[in-house]
Amino acid sequence: MSWEVINTKKIKCLCGKGTITQETIGDDWNRIEDKEPVIQCEECSKKYKIESKFMNPKPHHEYTIYYCVDKENPNSEKIKLDL
């Protein structure tokens, strides 16, 4: 009864030199969970952090929106990630 990676989503990072990766894991009981996205770019990981916003609009299904936020200026515009 262990969790294993069942899917990996990758998109280009904001500078285009690396990727932002998110893994989806599942277990033997058909539970599925999305892991937090990871910035796999040296430049972008120094400049940005990832924030999330959980949405649960009834009667629709729940989902999470992920954003890149400038670490030095967190009040600046958030950049929505297409994951």
Protein backbone atom coordinates (compact mmCIF):
# COMPACT_ATOMS: atom_id res chain seq x y z
CA MET A 1 0.00 0.00 0.00
CA SER A 2 2.33 2.68 -1.17
CA TRP A 3 2.05 5.86 -3.19
CA GLU A 4 3.68 5.96 -6.62
CA VAL A 5 4.04 8.57 -9.34
CA ILE A 6 1.35 8.07 -11.98
CA ASN A 7 1.82 11.27 -14.00
CA THR A 8 4.32 14.12 -14.34
CA LYS A 9 3.38 17.49 -15.85
CA LYS A 10 6.14 19.78 -17.11
CA ILE A 11 5.92 23.31 -18.45
CA LYS A 12 8.60 25.83 -19.38
CA CYS A 13 9.67 28.11 -16.55
CA LEU A 14 9.22 31.88 -16.84
CA CYS A 15 12.69 32.53 -18.30
CA GLY A 16 12.45 29.51 -20.64
CA LYS A 17 15.72 27.89 -19.54
CA GLY A 18 14.20 25.26 -17.24
CA THR A 19 10.91 23.67 -16.27
CA ILE A 20 8.22 23.72 -13.61
CA THR A 21 7.27 20.15 -12.74
CA GLN A 22 4.29 18.71 -10.89
CA GLU A 23 3.85 15.04 -10.03
CA THR A 24 0.54 13.26 -9.52
CA ILE A 25 0.71 10.27 -7.18
CA GLY A 26 -1.74 7.44 -6.58
CA ASP A 27 -2.13 4.48 -4.27
CA ASP A 28 -3.70 1.01 -4.30
CA TRP A 29 -7.05 2.41 -3.13
CA ASN A 30 -7.34 4.69 -6.18
CA ARG A 31 -6.66 7.83 -4.18
CA ILE A 32 -4.96 10.50 -6.31
CA GLU A 33 -3.04 13.53 -5.09
CA ASP A 34 -1.20 16.34 -6.89
CA LYS A 35 2.12 17.28 -5.32
CA GLU A 36 3.23 20.92 -5.06
CA PRO A 37 4.91 22.11 -8.29
CA VAL A 38 8.70 22.51 -8.22
CA ILE A 39 10.69 25.15 -10.12
CA GLN A 40 13.59 23.33 -11.79
CA CYS A 41 15.51 26.36 -12.99
CA GLU A 42 18.34 28.00 -11.10
CA GLU A 43 17.41 31.54 -12.19
CA CYS A 44 13.65 31.26 -11.63
CA SER A 45 13.95 29.43 -8.29
CA LYS A 46 16.02 32.34 -6.95
CA LYS A 47 13.54 34.94 -8.18
CA TYR A 48 10.11 33.26 -7.80
CA LYS A 49 8.19 31.11 -5.36
CA ILE A 50 5.05 29.11 -6.03
CA GLU A 51 1.80 29.91 -4.24
CA SER A 52 -1.45 28.01 -4.50
CA LYS A 53 -5.13 28.80 -4.11
CA PHE A 54 -7.61 26.00 -3.37
CA MET A 55 -10.98 26.32 -5.09
CA ASN A 56 -14.14 24.37 -4.30
CA PRO A 57 -17.04 25.89 -6.24
CA LYS A 58 -20.16 23.89 -5.40
CA PRO A 59 -21.56 21.87 -7.13
CA HIS A 60 -18.38 21.49 -9.25
CA HIS A 61 -15.22 19.61 -8.30
CA GLU A 62 -12.41 21.07 -6.25
CA TYR A 63 -9.15 22.17 -7.85
CA THR A 64 -6.02 24.18 -7.09
CA ILE A 65 -4.64 27.16 -9.00
CA TYR A 66 -0.86 27.70 -8.88
CA TYR A 67 0.94 31.04 -9.27
CA CYS A 68 4.55 32.21 -9.52
CA VAL A 69 5.16 35.15 -7.22
CA ASP A 70 8.21 37.43 -7.17
CA LYS A 71 10.09 36.80 -3.90
CA GLU A 72 11.37 40.38 -3.67
CA ASN A 73 8.02 42.00 -4.44
CA PRO A 74 5.22 39.66 -3.27
CA ASN A 75 2.59 42.33 -3.91
CA SER A 76 3.36 42.42 -7.62
CA GLU A 77 1.12 40.67 -10.14
CA LYS A 78 0.92 36.88 -9.73
CA ILE A 79 1.68 34.80 -12.82
CA LYS A 80 -0.80 31.94 -13.22
CA LEU A 81 0.73 28.57 -14.14
CA ASP A 82 -0.97 26.30 -16.66
CA LEU A 83 -0.56 22.97 -14.86
